[in-house]
Amino acid sequence: MTVVSRKREGAEPSVPARPYVKVWDPVVRLFHWTIVTACTLNLFILDEGKYWHRVTGYVVAAAIVIRILWGFVGTKHARFSDFMPTRRRVMEQIFDMIDGNEKRYLGHNPLASIMMLVLMALLAATALTGWMTTLDAFWGEKWLERLHGTIANGIMVLAFIHAGAAIVESWRHRENLVWSMVTGRKKA
């Protein structure tokens, strides 16, 4: 969306009516910050395997289910169809970045889409393996506990890459992408 300001002869320049547009709806933002909070709690604060660690894992599982459903019925930029990363889109973004001609996306760019989908899959795998450790069939299975921890550590690494990329992209595109996930708005 382009914001056009018109200047009449002798008049003050007009202020654009909508310098920002709504991009991230409340469901997307609540999902994002729920996941950020839950991962911070479970990776750094709560004791592994204890009650609140498990409750937090169930909250993540519920958030993932809601977000997947919202990916099919939600608002424009929440829908998977809006940001599904195809090989062509990803390659275009990579080559545009190399050339210094990267397009600005209101929603997720192709590389961010890959990151989001991988993180969602890993979060689901972590929730599943965590739940499995509570079942009699898998009680005390060290391989499952190691798998759960390995996936959780992978999420931590990717989350730091994701946060770093958001900071770099904020600088490159001269807009605060982290703040846009708080307000839901981005520059028009």
C-alpha atoms as a PDB file:
ATOM      1  CA  MET A   1       0.000   0.000   0.000  1.00  0.00           C
ATOM      2  CA  THR A   2       1.366   3.377  -0.976  1.00  0.00           C
ATOM      3  CA  VAL A   3       0.649   6.495   1.013  1.00  0.00           C
ATOM      4  CA  VAL A   4       0.301   9.571  -1.136  1.00  0.00           C
ATOM      5  CA  SER A   5       0.228  13.063   0.290  1.00  0.00           C
ATOM      6  CA  ARG A   6      -1.048  15.830  -1.917  1.00  0.00           C
ATOM      7  CA  LYS A   7       0.073  19.414  -1.667  1.00  0.00           C
ATOM      8  CA  ARG A   8      -2.283  22.150  -2.824  1.00  0.00           C
ATOM      9  CA  GLU A   9      -0.938  25.473  -3.969  1.00  0.00           C
ATOM     10  CA  GLY A  10      -0.198  27.574  -0.897  1.00  0.00           C
ATOM     11  CA  ALA A  11      -1.477  24.944   1.526  1.00  0.00           C
ATOM     12  CA  GLU A  12       0.414  23.049   4.174  1.00  0.00           C
ATOM     13  CA  PRO A  13       1.484  19.569   3.119  1.00  0.00           C
ATOM     14  CA  SER A  14      -1.212  17.124   4.071  1.00  0.00           C
ATOM     15  CA  VAL A  15      -0.552  14.402   6.581  1.00  0.00           C
ATOM     16  CA  PRO A  16      -1.077  10.890   5.239  1.00  0.00           C
ATOM     17  CA  ALA A  17      -4.340   9.483   6.525  1.00  0.00           C
ATOM     18  CA  ARG A  18      -2.918   6.013   7.259  1.00  0.00           C
ATOM     19  CA  PRO A  19       0.841   5.905   7.668  1.00  0.00           C
ATOM     20  CA  TYR A  20       0.456   2.443   9.221  1.00  0.00           C
ATOM     21  CA  VAL A  21      -1.611  -0.576   8.291  1.00  0.00           C
ATOM     22  CA  LYS A  22      -2.850  -3.445  10.418  1.00  0.00           C
ATOM     23  CA  VAL A  23      -0.874  -6.569   9.561  1.00  0.00           C
ATOM     24  CA  TRP A  24      -0.722  -8.851  12.596  1.00  0.00           C
ATOM     25  CA  ASP A  25      -4.109  -9.597  14.117  1.00  0.00           C
ATOM     26  CA  PRO A  26      -4.554 -10.295  17.853  1.00  0.00           C
ATOM     27  CA  VAL A  27      -4.521 -14.098  17.388  1.00  0.00           C
ATOM     28  CA  VAL A  28      -1.141 -13.991  15.598  1.00  0.00           C
ATOM     29  CA  ARG A  29       0.326 -11.628  18.176  1.00  0.00           C
ATOM     30  CA  LEU A  30      -1.019 -13.600  21.133  1.00  0.00           C
ATOM     31  CA  PHE A  31       0.377 -16.808  19.604  1.00  0.00           C
ATOM     32  CA  HIS A  32       3.782 -15.201  19.085  1.00  0.00           C
ATOM     33  CA  TRP A  33       4.130 -13.784  22.591  1.00  0.00           C
ATOM     34  CA  THR A  34       2.676 -16.924  24.200  1.00  0.00           C
ATOM     35  CA  ILE A  35       5.368 -18.970  22.476  1.00  0.00           C
ATOM     36  CA  VAL A  36       8.110 -16.479  23.406  1.00  0.00           C
ATOM     37  CA  THR A  37       7.004 -16.529  27.057  1.00  0.00           C
ATOM     38  CA  ALA A  38       6.566 -20.316  27.191  1.00  0.00           C
ATOM     39  CA  CYS A  39       9.955 -21.021  25.614  1.00  0.00           C
ATOM     40  CA  THR A  40      11.666 -18.578  27.952  1.00  0.00           C
ATOM     41  CA  LEU A  41      10.002 -20.202  30.949  1.00  0.00           C
ATOM     42  CA  ASN A  42      10.636 -23.789  29.922  1.00  0.00           C
ATOM     43  CA  LEU A  43      14.172 -23.314  28.647  1.00  0.00           C
ATOM     44  CA  PHE A  44      15.539 -20.983  31.324  1.00  0.00           C
ATOM     45  CA  ILE A  45      13.320 -20.755  34.399  1.00  0.00           C
ATOM     46  CA  LEU A  46      11.116 -23.769  35.137  1.00  0.00           C
ATOM     47  CA  ASP A  47      12.447 -27.132  36.306  1.00  0.00           C
ATOM     48  CA  GLU A  48      12.402 -29.757  33.542  1.00  0.00           C
ATOM     49  CA  GLY A  49       9.618 -32.297  33.843  1.00  0.00           C
ATOM     50  CA  LYS A  50       7.959 -30.620  36.818  1.00  0.00           C
ATOM     51  CA  TYR A  51       4.322 -29.541  36.978  1.00  0.00           C
ATOM     52  CA  TRP A  52       4.637 -25.968  35.626  1.00  0.00           C
ATOM     53  CA  HIS A  53       7.026 -27.099  32.870  1.00  0.00           C
ATOM     54  CA  ARG A  54       4.386 -29.586  31.708  1.00  0.00           C
ATOM     55  CA  VAL A  55       1.538 -27.062  31.989  1.00  0.00           C
ATOM     56  CA  THR A  56       3.548 -24.621  29.903  1.00  0.00           C
ATOM     57  CA  GLY A  57       4.098 -27.364  27.320  1.00  0.00           C
ATOM     58  CA  TYR A  58       0.344 -27.976  27.133  1.00  0.00           C
ATOM     59  CA  VAL A  59      -0.222 -24.243  26.637  1.00  0.00           C
ATOM     60  CA  VAL A  60       2.227 -24.375  23.704  1.00  0.00           C
ATOM     61  CA  ALA A  61       0.405 -27.388  22.240  1.00  0.00           C
ATOM     62  CA  ALA A  62      -2.947 -25.577  22.488  1.00  0.00           C
ATOM     63  CA  ALA A  63      -1.459 -22.416  20.953  1.00  0.00           C
ATOM     64  CA  ILE A  64      -0.100 -24.427  18.027  1.00  0.00           C
ATOM     65  CA  VAL A  65      -3.497 -26.018  17.356  1.00  0.00           C
ATOM     66  CA  ILE A  66      -5.182 -22.604  17.446  1.00  0.00           C
ATOM     67  CA  ARG A  67      -2.512 -21.075  15.179  1.00  0.00           C
ATOM     68  CA  ILE A  68      -2.798 -23.897  12.642  1.00  0.00           C
ATOM     69  CA  LEU A  69      -6.568 -23.452  12.501  1.00  0.00           C
ATOM     70  CA  TRP A  70      -6.112 -19.671  12.238  1.00  0.00           C
ATOM     71  CA  GLY A  71      -3.700 -20.287   9.361  1.00  0.00           C
ATOM     72  CA  PHE A  72      -6.662 -21.503   7.322  1.00  0.00           C
ATOM     73  CA  VAL A  73      -9.490 -19.234   8.498  1.00  0.00           C
ATOM     74  CA  GLY A  74      -7.730 -16.150   9.891  1.00  0.00           C
ATOM     75  CA  THR A  75      -7.016 -12.723   8.504  1.00  0.00           C
ATOM     76  CA  LYS A  76      -5.028 -12.198   5.283  1.00  0.00           C
ATOM     77  CA  HIS A  77      -1.479 -12.178   6.677  1.00  0.00           C
ATOM     78  CA  ALA A  78      -2.281 -14.952   9.179  1.00  0.00           C
ATOM     79  CA  ARG A  79      -3.244 -17.402   6.435  1.00  0.00           C
ATOM     80  CA  PHE A  80      -0.684 -19.943   5.287  1.00  0.00           C
ATOM     81  CA  SER A  81      -1.723 -19.214   1.699  1.00  0.00           C
ATOM     82  CA  ASP A  82      -0.409 -15.646   2.128  1.00  0.00           C
ATOM     83  CA  PHE A  83       3.121 -16.683   3.018  1.00  0.00           C
ATOM     84  CA  MET A  84       3.698 -20.271   1.932  1.00  0.00           C
ATOM     85  CA  PRO A  85       7.367 -20.320   0.888  1.00  0.00           C
ATOM     86  CA  THR A  86       7.810 -21.766  -2.577  1.00  0.00           C
ATOM     87  CA  ARG A  87      11.216 -22.544  -4.035  1.00  0.00           C
ATOM     88  CA  ARG A  88      10.790 -19.666  -6.513  1.00  0.00           C
ATOM     89  CA  ARG A  89       9.863 -17.128  -3.797  1.00  0.00           C
ATOM     90  CA  VAL A  90      12.749 -18.183  -1.579  1.00  0.00           C
ATOM     91  CA  MET A  91      15.285 -18.024  -4.420  1.00  0.00           C
ATOM     92  CA  GLU A  92      13.943 -14.631  -5.529  1.00  0.00           C
ATOM     93  CA  GLN A  93      14.370 -13.265  -2.018  1.00  0.00           C
ATOM     94  CA  ILE A  94      17.899 -14.656  -1.698  1.00  0.00           C
ATOM     95  CA  PHE A  95      18.980 -13.245  -5.074  1.00  0.00           C
ATOM     96  CA  ASP A  96      17.256  -9.911  -4.347  1.00  0.00           C
ATOM     97  CA  MET A  97      19.134  -9.718  -1.020  1.00  0.00           C
ATOM     98  CA  ILE A  98      22.427 -10.436  -2.794  1.00  0.00           C
ATOM     99  CA  ASP A  99      21.652  -7.750  -5.394  1.00  0.00           C
ATOM    100  CA  GLY A 100      20.551  -5.273  -2.727  1.00  0.00           C
ATOM    101  CA  ASN A 101      17.049  -5.081  -4.241  1.00  0.00           C
ATOM    102  CA  GLU A 102      15.104  -6.992  -1.640  1.00  0.00           C
ATOM    103  CA  LYS A 103      11.359  -6.405  -1.662  1.00  0.00           C
ATOM    104  CA  ARG A 104       9.640  -5.324   1.518  1.00  0.00           C
ATOM    105  CA  TYR A 105       6.813  -7.607   2.602  1.00  0.00           C
ATOM    106  CA  LEU A 106       3.928  -6.535   4.793  1.00  0.00           C
ATOM    107  CA  GLY A 107       3.510 -10.092   6.068  1.00  0.00           C
ATOM    108  CA  HIS A 108       6.168 -12.785   6.374  1.00  0.00           C
ATOM    109  CA  ASN A 109       8.863 -12.790   3.728  1.00  0.00           C
ATOM    110  CA  PRO A 110       9.741 -16.221   2.234  1.00  0.00           C
ATOM    111  CA  LEU A 111      12.731 -16.865   4.515  1.00  0.00           C
ATOM    112  CA  ALA A 112      10.778 -15.782   7.599  1.00  0.00           C
ATOM    113  CA  SER A 113       7.979 -18.097   6.470  1.00  0.00           C
ATOM    114  CA  ILE A 114      10.377 -21.035   6.451  1.00  0.00           C
ATOM    115  CA  MET A 115      11.604 -20.097   9.924  1.00  0.00           C
ATOM    116  CA  MET A 116       8.068 -19.806  11.270  1.00  0.00           C
ATOM    117  CA  LEU A 117       6.975 -23.158   9.845  1.00  0.00           C
ATOM    118  CA  VAL A 118      10.118 -24.939  11.078  1.00  0.00           C
ATOM    119  CA  LEU A 119       9.710 -23.440  14.549  1.00  0.00           C
ATOM    120  CA  MET A 120       6.050 -24.484  14.656  1.00  0.00           C
ATOM    121  CA  ALA A 121       6.993 -28.041  13.651  1.00  0.00           C
ATOM    122  CA  LEU A 122       9.726 -28.191  16.290  1.00  0.00           C
ATOM    123  CA  LEU A 123       7.397 -26.771  18.933  1.00  0.00           C
ATOM    124  CA  ALA A 124       4.829 -29.427  18.064  1.00  0.00           C
ATOM    125  CA  ALA A 125       7.532 -32.127  18.213  1.00  0.00           C
ATOM    126  CA  THR A 126       8.692 -30.846  21.591  1.00  0.00           C
ATOM    127  CA  ALA A 127       5.150 -30.830  22.958  1.00  0.00           C
ATOM    128  CA  LEU A 128       4.574 -34.344  21.609  1.00  0.00           C
ATOM    129  CA  THR A 129       7.807 -35.794  22.985  1.00  0.00           C
ATOM    130  CA  GLY A 130       7.246 -34.045  26.311  1.00  0.00           C
ATOM    131  CA  TRP A 131       3.770 -35.546  26.563  1.00  0.00           C
ATOM    132  CA  MET A 132       5.117 -38.964  25.576  1.00  0.00           C
ATOM    133  CA  THR A 133       7.537 -38.907  28.515  1.00  0.00           C
ATOM    134  CA  THR A 134       4.506 -38.864  30.845  1.00  0.00           C
ATOM    135  CA  LEU A 135       3.048 -42.054  29.378  1.00  0.00           C
ATOM    136  CA  ASP A 136       3.618 -45.435  31.023  1.00  0.00           C
ATOM    137  CA  ALA A 137       4.847 -46.834  27.701  1.00  0.00           C
ATOM    138  CA  PHE A 138       7.738 -44.356  27.593  1.00  0.00           C
ATOM    139  CA  TRP A 139       8.295 -43.665  31.296  1.00  0.00           C
ATOM    140  CA  GLY A 140      12.014 -43.210  32.001  1.00  0.00           C
ATOM    141  CA  GLU A 141      13.095 -43.707  28.369  1.00  0.00           C
ATOM    142  CA  LYS A 142      16.361 -41.782  28.132  1.00  0.00           C
ATOM    143  CA  TRP A 143      16.353 -41.667  24.315  1.00  0.00           C
ATOM    144  CA  LEU A 144      12.989 -39.840  24.399  1.00  0.00           C
ATOM    145  CA  GLU A 145      14.180 -37.415  27.071  1.00  0.00           C
ATOM    146  CA  ARG A 146      17.323 -36.696  25.008  1.00  0.00           C
ATOM    147  CA  LEU A 147      15.243 -36.214  21.863  1.00  0.00           C
ATOM    148  CA  HIS A 148      12.930 -33.825  23.719  1.00  0.00           C
ATOM    149  CA  GLY A 149      15.913 -31.832  25.015  1.00  0.00           C
ATOM    150  CA  THR A 150      17.645 -31.790  21.625  1.00  0.00           C
ATOM    151  CA  ILE A 151      14.546 -30.447  19.884  1.00  0.00           C
ATOM    152  CA  ALA A 152      14.093 -27.836  22.635  1.00  0.00           C
ATOM    153  CA  ASN A 153      17.709 -26.735  22.212  1.00  0.00           C
ATOM    154  CA  GLY A 154      17.151 -26.521  18.448  1.00  0.00           C
ATOM    155  CA  ILE A 155      14.195 -24.219  19.079  1.00  0.00           C
ATOM    156  CA  MET A 156      16.394 -22.023  21.262  1.00  0.00           C
ATOM    157  CA  VAL A 157      19.055 -21.717  18.537  1.00  0.00           C
ATOM    158  CA  LEU A 158      16.480 -20.964  15.829  1.00  0.00           C
ATOM    159  CA  ALA A 159      14.668 -18.483  18.089  1.00  0.00           C
ATOM    160  CA  PHE A 160      17.911 -16.532  18.550  1.00  0.00           C
ATOM    161  CA  ILE A 161      18.478 -16.582  14.771  1.00  0.00           C
ATOM    162  CA  HIS A 162      14.866 -15.456  14.264  1.00  0.00           C
ATOM    163  CA  ALA A 163      15.247 -12.594  16.758  1.00  0.00           C
ATOM    164  CA  GLY A 164      18.567 -11.562  15.193  1.00  0.00           C
ATOM    165  CA  ALA A 165      17.037 -11.604  11.713  1.00  0.00           C
ATOM    166  CA  ALA A 166      14.135  -9.435  12.946  1.00  0.00           C
ATOM    167  CA  ILE A 167      16.633  -6.902  14.287  1.00  0.00           C
ATOM    168  CA  VAL A 168      18.674  -6.916  11.069  1.00  0.00           C
ATOM    169  CA  GLU A 169      15.556  -6.622   8.916  1.00  0.00           C
ATOM    170  CA  SER A 170      14.266  -3.806  11.128  1.00  0.00           C
ATOM    171  CA  TRP A 171      17.490  -1.928  10.477  1.00  0.00           C
ATOM    172  CA  ARG A 172      17.539  -2.709   6.736  1.00  0.00           C
ATOM    173  CA  HIS A 173      13.914  -1.690   6.155  1.00  0.00           C
ATOM    174  CA  ARG A 174      13.938   1.167   8.678  1.00  0.00           C
ATOM    175  CA  GLU A 175      11.017  -0.155  10.722  1.00  0.00           C
ATOM    176  CA  ASN A 176      10.723  -1.838  14.091  1.00  0.00           C
ATOM    177  CA  LEU A 177       9.492  -5.356  13.321  1.00  0.00           C
ATOM    178  CA  VAL A 178       9.504  -6.382  16.973  1.00  0.00           C
ATOM    179  CA  TRP A 179       7.248  -3.459  17.855  1.00  0.00           C
ATOM    180  CA  SER A 180       4.948  -4.347  14.948  1.00  0.00           C
ATOM    181  CA  MET A 181       4.390  -7.735  16.619  1.00  0.00           C
ATOM    182  CA  VAL A 182       3.271  -5.803  19.705  1.00  0.00           C
ATOM    183  CA  THR A 183       1.002  -3.274  17.981  1.00  0.00           C
ATOM    184  CA  GLY A 184       0.006  -5.314  14.946  1.00  0.00           C
ATOM    185  CA  ARG A 185       0.838  -2.357  12.680  1.00  0.00           C
ATOM    186  CA  LYS A 186       3.555  -1.806  10.113  1.00  0.00           C
ATOM    187  CA  LYS A 187       4.441   1.099   7.868  1.00  0.00           C
ATOM    188  CA  ALA A 188       2.093   1.336   4.900  1.00  0.00           C
END
